[in-house]
Amino acid sequence: MKTVARIRTDFPTKFGIPRQSGMCDELKAEIIFEPEFRAREAVRGIEDFSHLWLIWGFSEVKGDNYSPTVRPPKLGGNKRMGVFATRSPFRPNRMGLSCVKLLSVRYTEQDGTILTVSGADMVDGTPIYDIKPYVPYTDCHTEATGGFSKEPDFGRLKVILPTELAEKLPREKINALTEVLSLDPRPGYIDEPDRVYGFGFAGFEVKFKVESDVLTVTDLQKI
């Protein structure tokens, strides 16, 4: 299995990343091909597709332990389901599958072809093993059922980002951060109103608290 590209995202660690791809349209990322795969003709025609499938590796998951069951956070972290009935990263072959929107294709002298996408759910530097076009007539199944994840079990949180903190961020990152926070980055089985959480985003350490359905950013410091 060869790494054909790596992705540049705003997330240095797993915490804060949306639970699935396509949940945050404001999140932008860049796919940078490895030198071996930078031939311009390798992406000929890709700009005609609106979305792409990315096959990638859970590079932050350590160890080789395998269990036939896992505890999905969506079920509170205390109910076990079969690993092949979930999207858990703790799999025999630790590969992920994400659908992202293709925003642009450009060529640079330094990095070759760069694909800019939105909606990625990956840590910065994640290895990508393959890229395939999303084909609507075969990939979209409107009659599909979703098992235990058929309906979102959370609403969007109201996000309070004080002006003095928002001004520290690059303007183009404000909406993306707000959207990420509105999805509630906390583990699904934790609800501690007095606890301060933190994660890295776009070169900043973001601290926040959640009370009821309101998330308040308490601090924002450049890393």
C-alpha atoms as a PDB file:
ATOM      1  CA  MET A   1       0.000   0.000   0.000  1.00  0.00           C
ATOM      2  CA  LYS A   2       1.551   3.294  -1.082  1.00  0.00           C
ATOM      3  CA  THR A   3       0.814   6.757   0.273  1.00  0.00           C
ATOM      4  CA  VAL A   4      -0.169   8.773  -2.796  1.00  0.00           C
ATOM      5  CA  ALA A   5      -0.778  12.062  -0.970  1.00  0.00           C
ATOM      6  CA  ARG A   6      -1.068  13.723   2.417  1.00  0.00           C
ATOM      7  CA  ILE A   7      -3.679  16.184   3.576  1.00  0.00           C
ATOM      8  CA  ARG A   8      -3.109  19.596   5.134  1.00  0.00           C
ATOM      9  CA  THR A   9      -5.821  20.434   7.650  1.00  0.00           C
ATOM     10  CA  ASP A  10      -6.270  22.778  10.617  1.00  0.00           C
ATOM     11  CA  PHE A  11      -6.243  19.931  13.171  1.00  0.00           C
ATOM     12  CA  PRO A  12      -2.909  18.888  14.742  1.00  0.00           C
ATOM     13  CA  THR A  13      -4.665  16.264  16.912  1.00  0.00           C
ATOM     14  CA  LYS A  14      -7.847  14.156  16.755  1.00  0.00           C
ATOM     15  CA  PHE A  15      -9.844  16.193  19.270  1.00  0.00           C
ATOM     16  CA  GLY A  16     -12.180  18.656  17.595  1.00  0.00           C
ATOM     17  CA  ILE A  17     -12.355  16.938  14.225  1.00  0.00           C
ATOM     18  CA  PRO A  18     -15.946  16.475  12.967  1.00  0.00           C
ATOM     19  CA  ARG A  19     -17.191  12.945  13.557  1.00  0.00           C
ATOM     20  CA  GLN A  20     -17.876  12.367   9.867  1.00  0.00           C
ATOM     21  CA  SER A  21     -16.815  13.931   6.599  1.00  0.00           C
ATOM     22  CA  GLY A  22     -19.026  16.540   4.980  1.00  0.00           C
ATOM     23  CA  MET A  23     -20.400  17.915   8.244  1.00  0.00           C
ATOM     24  CA  CYS A  24     -18.521  21.232   8.078  1.00  0.00           C
ATOM     25  CA  ASP A  25     -18.603  22.886   4.671  1.00  0.00           C
ATOM     26  CA  GLU A  26     -16.505  25.788   5.961  1.00  0.00           C
ATOM     27  CA  LEU A  27     -13.553  23.493   6.717  1.00  0.00           C
ATOM     28  CA  LYS A  28     -11.037  23.625   3.898  1.00  0.00           C
ATOM     29  CA  ALA A  29      -8.037  21.358   3.402  1.00  0.00           C
ATOM     30  CA  GLU A  30      -5.365  20.764   0.773  1.00  0.00           C
ATOM     31  CA  ILE A  31      -4.317  17.428  -0.692  1.00  0.00           C
ATOM     32  CA  ILE A  32      -0.613  17.384  -1.543  1.00  0.00           C
ATOM     33  CA  PHE A  33       0.608  14.504  -3.704  1.00  0.00           C
ATOM     34  CA  GLU A  34       3.793  12.610  -2.919  1.00  0.00           C
ATOM     35  CA  PRO A  35       6.606  13.318  -5.444  1.00  0.00           C
ATOM     36  CA  GLU A  36       6.090   9.962  -7.180  1.00  0.00           C
ATOM     37  CA  PHE A  37       2.480  10.844  -8.011  1.00  0.00           C
ATOM     38  CA  ARG A  38       2.735  14.506  -9.050  1.00  0.00           C
ATOM     39  CA  ALA A  39       2.348  13.974 -12.789  1.00  0.00           C
ATOM     40  CA  ARG A  40      -0.264  16.486 -13.944  1.00  0.00           C
ATOM     41  CA  GLU A  41      -1.953  13.919 -16.155  1.00  0.00           C
ATOM     42  CA  ALA A  42      -2.743  11.782 -13.077  1.00  0.00           C
ATOM     43  CA  VAL A  43      -5.605  14.167 -12.219  1.00  0.00           C
ATOM     44  CA  ARG A  44      -6.720  14.932 -15.765  1.00  0.00           C
ATOM     45  CA  GLY A  45     -10.522  15.279 -15.745  1.00  0.00           C
ATOM     46  CA  ILE A  46     -10.866  15.383 -11.963  1.00  0.00           C
ATOM     47  CA  GLU A  47     -12.126  18.980 -12.029  1.00  0.00           C
ATOM     48  CA  ASP A  48     -15.304  17.743 -13.728  1.00  0.00           C
ATOM     49  CA  PHE A  49     -16.377  16.009 -10.501  1.00  0.00           C
ATOM     50  CA  SER A  50     -17.887  17.925  -7.589  1.00  0.00           C
ATOM     51  CA  HIS A  51     -16.966  15.385  -4.881  1.00  0.00           C
ATOM     52  CA  LEU A  52     -14.249  12.845  -4.227  1.00  0.00           C
ATOM     53  CA  TRP A  53     -13.804   9.713  -2.144  1.00  0.00           C
ATOM     54  CA  LEU A  54     -10.613   9.631  -0.076  1.00  0.00           C
ATOM     55  CA  ILE A  55      -9.232   6.335   1.217  1.00  0.00           C
ATOM     56  CA  TRP A  56      -6.814   7.067   4.037  1.00  0.00           C
ATOM     57  CA  GLY A  57      -5.073   5.674   7.108  1.00  0.00           C
ATOM     58  CA  PHE A  58      -5.832   6.227  10.799  1.00  0.00           C
ATOM     59  CA  SER A  59      -2.238   7.275  11.426  1.00  0.00           C
ATOM     60  CA  GLU A  60      -2.909   8.466  14.990  1.00  0.00           C
ATOM     61  CA  VAL A  61      -4.208   5.084  16.195  1.00  0.00           C
ATOM     62  CA  LYS A  62      -1.362   3.231  17.886  1.00  0.00           C
ATOM     63  CA  GLY A  63      -0.958  -0.472  18.587  1.00  0.00           C
ATOM     64  CA  ASP A  64      -2.142  -3.568  16.751  1.00  0.00           C
ATOM     65  CA  ASN A  65      -4.762  -4.847  19.177  1.00  0.00           C
ATOM     66  CA  TYR A  66      -7.934  -6.028  17.468  1.00  0.00           C
ATOM     67  CA  SER A  67     -11.331  -6.575  19.047  1.00  0.00           C
ATOM     68  CA  PRO A  68     -14.426  -7.822  17.182  1.00  0.00           C
ATOM     69  CA  THR A  69     -16.548  -5.289  19.072  1.00  0.00           C
ATOM     70  CA  VAL A  70     -16.131  -1.591  19.868  1.00  0.00           C
ATOM     71  CA  ARG A  71     -18.012   0.997  21.918  1.00  0.00           C
ATOM     72  CA  PRO A  72     -19.277   3.781  19.623  1.00  0.00           C
ATOM     73  CA  PRO A  73     -19.373   7.225  21.311  1.00  0.00           C
ATOM     74  CA  LYS A  74     -22.728   7.777  19.596  1.00  0.00           C
ATOM     75  CA  LEU A  75     -24.186   5.086  21.870  1.00  0.00           C
ATOM     76  CA  GLY A  76     -22.760   6.677  25.004  1.00  0.00           C
ATOM     77  CA  GLY A  77     -19.550   4.669  25.024  1.00  0.00           C
ATOM     78  CA  ASN A  78     -21.079   1.856  27.088  1.00  0.00           C
ATOM     79  CA  LYS A  79     -22.728  -0.362  24.463  1.00  0.00           C
ATOM     80  CA  ARG A  80     -20.744  -2.670  22.216  1.00  0.00           C
ATOM     81  CA  MET A  81     -21.339  -3.129  18.501  1.00  0.00           C
ATOM     82  CA  GLY A  82     -19.540  -5.222  15.919  1.00  0.00           C
ATOM     83  CA  VAL A  83     -16.513  -3.403  14.538  1.00  0.00           C
ATOM     84  CA  PHE A  84     -17.749  -3.925  10.966  1.00  0.00           C
ATOM     85  CA  ALA A  85     -21.061  -2.287  11.906  1.00  0.00           C
ATOM     86  CA  THR A  86     -19.262   0.917  12.916  1.00  0.00           C
ATOM     87  CA  ARG A  87     -16.799   3.455  11.572  1.00  0.00           C
ATOM     88  CA  SER A  88     -14.476   3.054  14.535  1.00  0.00           C
ATOM     89  CA  PRO A  89     -10.769   3.635  13.794  1.00  0.00           C
ATOM     90  CA  PHE A  90      -9.895   0.510  15.819  1.00  0.00           C
ATOM     91  CA  ARG A  91     -10.123  -1.924  12.922  1.00  0.00           C
ATOM     92  CA  PRO A  92      -8.055  -4.844  11.610  1.00  0.00           C
ATOM     93  CA  ASN A  93      -6.946  -2.606   8.734  1.00  0.00           C
ATOM     94  CA  ARG A  94      -7.028   0.954   9.976  1.00  0.00           C
ATOM     95  CA  MET A  95      -8.332   2.720   6.920  1.00  0.00           C
ATOM     96  CA  GLY A  96     -10.892   5.499   6.685  1.00  0.00           C
ATOM     97  CA  LEU A  97     -13.245   6.516   3.895  1.00  0.00           C
ATOM     98  CA  SER A  98     -14.340  10.128   3.458  1.00  0.00           C
ATOM     99  CA  CYS A  99     -16.405  12.000   0.900  1.00  0.00           C
ATOM    100  CA  VAL A 100     -15.210  15.578   0.365  1.00  0.00           C
ATOM    101  CA  LYS A 101     -16.195  18.407  -1.940  1.00  0.00           C
ATOM    102  CA  LEU A 102     -13.633  19.420  -4.555  1.00  0.00           C
ATOM    103  CA  LEU A 103     -13.217  23.195  -4.560  1.00  0.00           C
ATOM    104  CA  SER A 104     -10.259  23.732  -6.872  1.00  0.00           C
ATOM    105  CA  VAL A 105      -7.344  22.147  -8.694  1.00  0.00           C
ATOM    106  CA  ARG A 106      -4.136  24.091  -9.099  1.00  0.00           C
ATOM    107  CA  TYR A 107      -0.545  23.352 -10.051  1.00  0.00           C
ATOM    108  CA  THR A 108       2.467  24.718  -8.186  1.00  0.00           C
ATOM    109  CA  GLU A 109       6.188  24.459  -8.883  1.00  0.00           C
ATOM    110  CA  GLN A 110       6.968  23.364  -5.319  1.00  0.00           C
ATOM    111  CA  ASP A 111       4.248  20.791  -4.596  1.00  0.00           C
ATOM    112  CA  GLY A 112       2.844  19.904  -7.995  1.00  0.00           C
ATOM    113  CA  THR A 113      -0.928  19.546  -8.253  1.00  0.00           C
ATOM    114  CA  ILE A 114      -2.872  20.615  -5.149  1.00  0.00           C
ATOM    115  CA  LEU A 115      -6.507  19.704  -4.602  1.00  0.00           C
ATOM    116  CA  THR A 116      -8.427  22.038  -2.308  1.00  0.00           C
ATOM    117  CA  VAL A 117     -11.403  20.326  -0.692  1.00  0.00           C
ATOM    118  CA  SER A 118     -13.994  21.012   1.987  1.00  0.00           C
ATOM    119  CA  GLY A 119     -15.567  18.764   4.599  1.00  0.00           C
ATOM    120  CA  ALA A 120     -12.512  16.635   5.432  1.00  0.00           C
ATOM    121  CA  ASP A 121     -12.413  14.874   8.811  1.00  0.00           C
ATOM    122  CA  MET A 122      -8.697  14.154   9.166  1.00  0.00           C
ATOM    123  CA  VAL A 123      -5.671  15.105  11.231  1.00  0.00           C
ATOM    124  CA  ASP A 124      -3.056  17.248   9.507  1.00  0.00           C
ATOM    125  CA  GLY A 125      -0.605  15.031   7.616  1.00  0.00           C
ATOM    126  CA  THR A 126      -2.903  12.014   7.326  1.00  0.00           C
ATOM    127  CA  PRO A 127      -1.713   9.644   4.586  1.00  0.00           C
ATOM    128  CA  ILE A 128      -4.091   9.191   1.652  1.00  0.00           C
ATOM    129  CA  TYR A 129      -3.886   5.864  -0.163  1.00  0.00           C
ATOM    130  CA  ASP A 130      -6.273   6.560  -3.009  1.00  0.00           C
ATOM    131  CA  ILE A 131      -8.577   9.198  -4.495  1.00  0.00           C
ATOM    132  CA  LYS A 132     -11.647   8.288  -6.499  1.00  0.00           C
ATOM    133  CA  PRO A 133     -14.421  10.411  -8.000  1.00  0.00           C
ATOM    134  CA  TYR A 134     -17.847  10.383  -6.360  1.00  0.00           C
ATOM    135  CA  VAL A 135     -20.314   9.158  -8.975  1.00  0.00           C
ATOM    136  CA  PRO A 136     -23.867  10.262  -8.066  1.00  0.00           C
ATOM    137  CA  TYR A 137     -25.845   7.737 -10.102  1.00  0.00           C
ATOM    138  CA  THR A 138     -24.228   4.795  -8.325  1.00  0.00           C
ATOM    139  CA  ASP A 139     -22.904   6.226  -5.042  1.00  0.00           C
ATOM    140  CA  CYS A 140     -26.087   7.998  -3.914  1.00  0.00           C
ATOM    141  CA  HIS A 141     -28.745   5.686  -2.437  1.00  0.00           C
ATOM    142  CA  THR A 142     -31.708   7.711  -1.217  1.00  0.00           C
ATOM    143  CA  GLU A 143     -33.427   4.598   0.157  1.00  0.00           C
ATOM    144  CA  ALA A 144     -30.497   3.651   2.399  1.00  0.00           C
ATOM    145  CA  THR A 145     -31.026   3.067   6.129  1.00  0.00           C
ATOM    146  CA  GLY A 146     -28.560   4.090   8.801  1.00  0.00           C
ATOM    147  CA  GLY A 147     -28.764   1.537  11.611  1.00  0.00           C
ATOM    148  CA  PHE A 148     -28.001   2.965  15.037  1.00  0.00           C
ATOM    149  CA  SER A 149     -26.682   6.150  13.400  1.00  0.00           C
ATOM    150  CA  LYS A 150     -29.757   6.771  11.243  1.00  0.00           C
ATOM    151  CA  GLU A 151     -30.555  10.129  12.838  1.00  0.00           C
ATOM    152  CA  PRO A 152     -28.234  12.753  14.385  1.00  0.00           C
ATOM    153  CA  ASP A 153     -28.650  12.618  18.152  1.00  0.00           C
ATOM    154  CA  PHE A 154     -27.513  16.171  18.692  1.00  0.00           C
ATOM    155  CA  GLY A 155     -28.537  19.640  17.630  1.00  0.00           C
ATOM    156  CA  ARG A 156     -26.140  22.396  16.740  1.00  0.00           C
ATOM    157  CA  LEU A 157     -24.893  24.266  19.761  1.00  0.00           C
ATOM    158  CA  LYS A 158     -25.099  28.024  20.000  1.00  0.00           C
ATOM    159  CA  VAL A 159     -21.502  29.260  19.889  1.00  0.00           C
ATOM    160  CA  ILE A 160     -20.359  32.374  21.737  1.00  0.00           C
ATOM    161  CA  LEU A 161     -17.004  33.564  20.420  1.00  0.00           C
ATOM    162  CA  PRO A 162     -16.141  36.865  22.120  1.00  0.00           C
ATOM    163  CA  THR A 163     -15.022  39.578  19.716  1.00  0.00           C
ATOM    164  CA  GLU A 164     -11.666  40.066  21.435  1.00  0.00           C
ATOM    165  CA  LEU A 165     -10.886  36.378  20.868  1.00  0.00           C
ATOM    166  CA  ALA A 166     -12.266  36.195  17.334  1.00  0.00           C
ATOM    167  CA  GLU A 167      -9.974  39.071  16.346  1.00  0.00           C
ATOM    168  CA  LYS A 168      -6.960  36.846  17.035  1.00  0.00           C
ATOM    169  CA  LEU A 169      -8.000  34.438  14.287  1.00  0.00           C
ATOM    170  CA  PRO A 170      -7.455  34.946  10.558  1.00  0.00           C
ATOM    171  CA  ARG A 171     -10.799  36.149   9.233  1.00  0.00           C
ATOM    172  CA  GLU A 172     -11.167  33.166   6.877  1.00  0.00           C
ATOM    173  CA  LYS A 173     -10.938  30.747   9.828  1.00  0.00           C
ATOM    174  CA  ILE A 174     -13.690  32.240  12.013  1.00  0.00           C
ATOM    175  CA  ASN A 175     -16.654  30.610  10.297  1.00  0.00           C
ATOM    176  CA  ALA A 176     -14.883  27.253  10.115  1.00  0.00           C
ATOM    177  CA  LEU A 177     -14.082  27.265  13.830  1.00  0.00           C
ATOM    178  CA  THR A 178     -17.626  28.334  14.720  1.00  0.00           C
ATOM    179  CA  GLU A 179     -19.049  25.502  12.627  1.00  0.00           C
ATOM    180  CA  VAL A 180     -16.719  22.949  14.220  1.00  0.00           C
ATOM    181  CA  LEU A 181     -17.665  24.109  17.712  1.00  0.00           C
ATOM    182  CA  SER A 182     -21.385  24.069  16.929  1.00  0.00           C
ATOM    183  CA  LEU A 183     -21.129  20.296  16.364  1.00  0.00           C
ATOM    184  CA  ASP A 184     -19.963  19.850  19.992  1.00  0.00           C
ATOM    185  CA  PRO A 185     -16.406  18.425  19.871  1.00  0.00           C
ATOM    186  CA  ARG A 186     -16.771  16.756  23.287  1.00  0.00           C
ATOM    187  CA  PRO A 187     -16.979  12.950  23.484  1.00  0.00           C
ATOM    188  CA  GLY A 188     -20.623  11.966  23.245  1.00  0.00           C
ATOM    189  CA  TYR A 189     -20.654  10.370  26.690  1.00  0.00           C
ATOM    190  CA  ILE A 190     -19.219  13.346  28.626  1.00  0.00           C
ATOM    191  CA  ASP A 191     -21.351  16.196  29.972  1.00  0.00           C
ATOM    192  CA  GLU A 192     -19.512  18.218  32.623  1.00  0.00           C
ATOM    193  CA  PRO A 193     -20.657  21.873  32.584  1.00  0.00           C
ATOM    194  CA  ASP A 194     -17.701  23.117  34.658  1.00  0.00           C
ATOM    195  CA  ARG A 195     -15.030  21.392  32.608  1.00  0.00           C
ATOM    196  CA  VAL A 196     -12.849  23.424  30.234  1.00  0.00           C
ATOM    197  CA  TYR A 197     -11.961  21.615  27.020  1.00  0.00           C
ATOM    198  CA  GLY A 198      -9.234  22.483  24.572  1.00  0.00           C
ATOM    199  CA  PHE A 199      -7.941  21.512  21.153  1.00  0.00           C
ATOM    200  CA  GLY A 200      -5.642  22.782  18.437  1.00  0.00           C
ATOM    201  CA  PHE A 201      -7.064  24.532  15.389  1.00  0.00           C
ATOM    202  CA  ALA A 202      -5.274  26.471  12.644  1.00  0.00           C
ATOM    203  CA  GLY A 203      -2.253  27.147  14.827  1.00  0.00           C
ATOM    204  CA  PHE A 204      -4.257  28.164  17.911  1.00  0.00           C
ATOM    205  CA  GLU A 205      -5.192  26.484  21.169  1.00  0.00           C
ATOM    206  CA  VAL A 206      -8.955  26.850  21.597  1.00  0.00           C
ATOM    207  CA  LYS A 207     -10.490  26.568  25.081  1.00  0.00           C
ATOM    208  CA  PHE A 208     -14.231  26.292  25.640  1.00  0.00           C
ATOM    209  CA  LYS A 209     -17.006  25.319  28.047  1.00  0.00           C
ATOM    210  CA  VAL A 210     -20.483  23.961  27.372  1.00  0.00           C
ATOM    211  CA  GLU A 211     -23.578  24.566  29.456  1.00  0.00           C
ATOM    212  CA  SER A 212     -26.876  23.185  28.191  1.00  0.00           C
ATOM    213  CA  ASP A 213     -26.923  24.008  24.451  1.00  0.00           C
ATOM    214  CA  VAL A 214     -24.502  26.962  24.625  1.00  0.00           C
ATOM    215  CA  LEU A 215     -20.773  26.664  23.947  1.00  0.00           C
ATOM    216  CA  THR A 216     -18.601  29.578  25.062  1.00  0.00           C
ATOM    217  CA  VAL A 217     -15.012  30.043  23.905  1.00  0.00           C
ATOM    218  CA  THR A 218     -13.046  31.033  27.007  1.00  0.00           C
ATOM    219  CA  ASP A 219      -9.560  31.470  25.564  1.00  0.00           C
ATOM    220  CA  LEU A 220      -7.716  31.483  22.254  1.00  0.00           C
ATOM    221  CA  GLN A 221      -3.944  31.467  22.157  1.00  0.00           C
ATOM    222  CA  LYS A 222      -1.517  31.104  19.266  1.00  0.00           C
ATOM    223  CA  ILE A 223       0.498  27.904  19.545  1.00  0.00           C
END
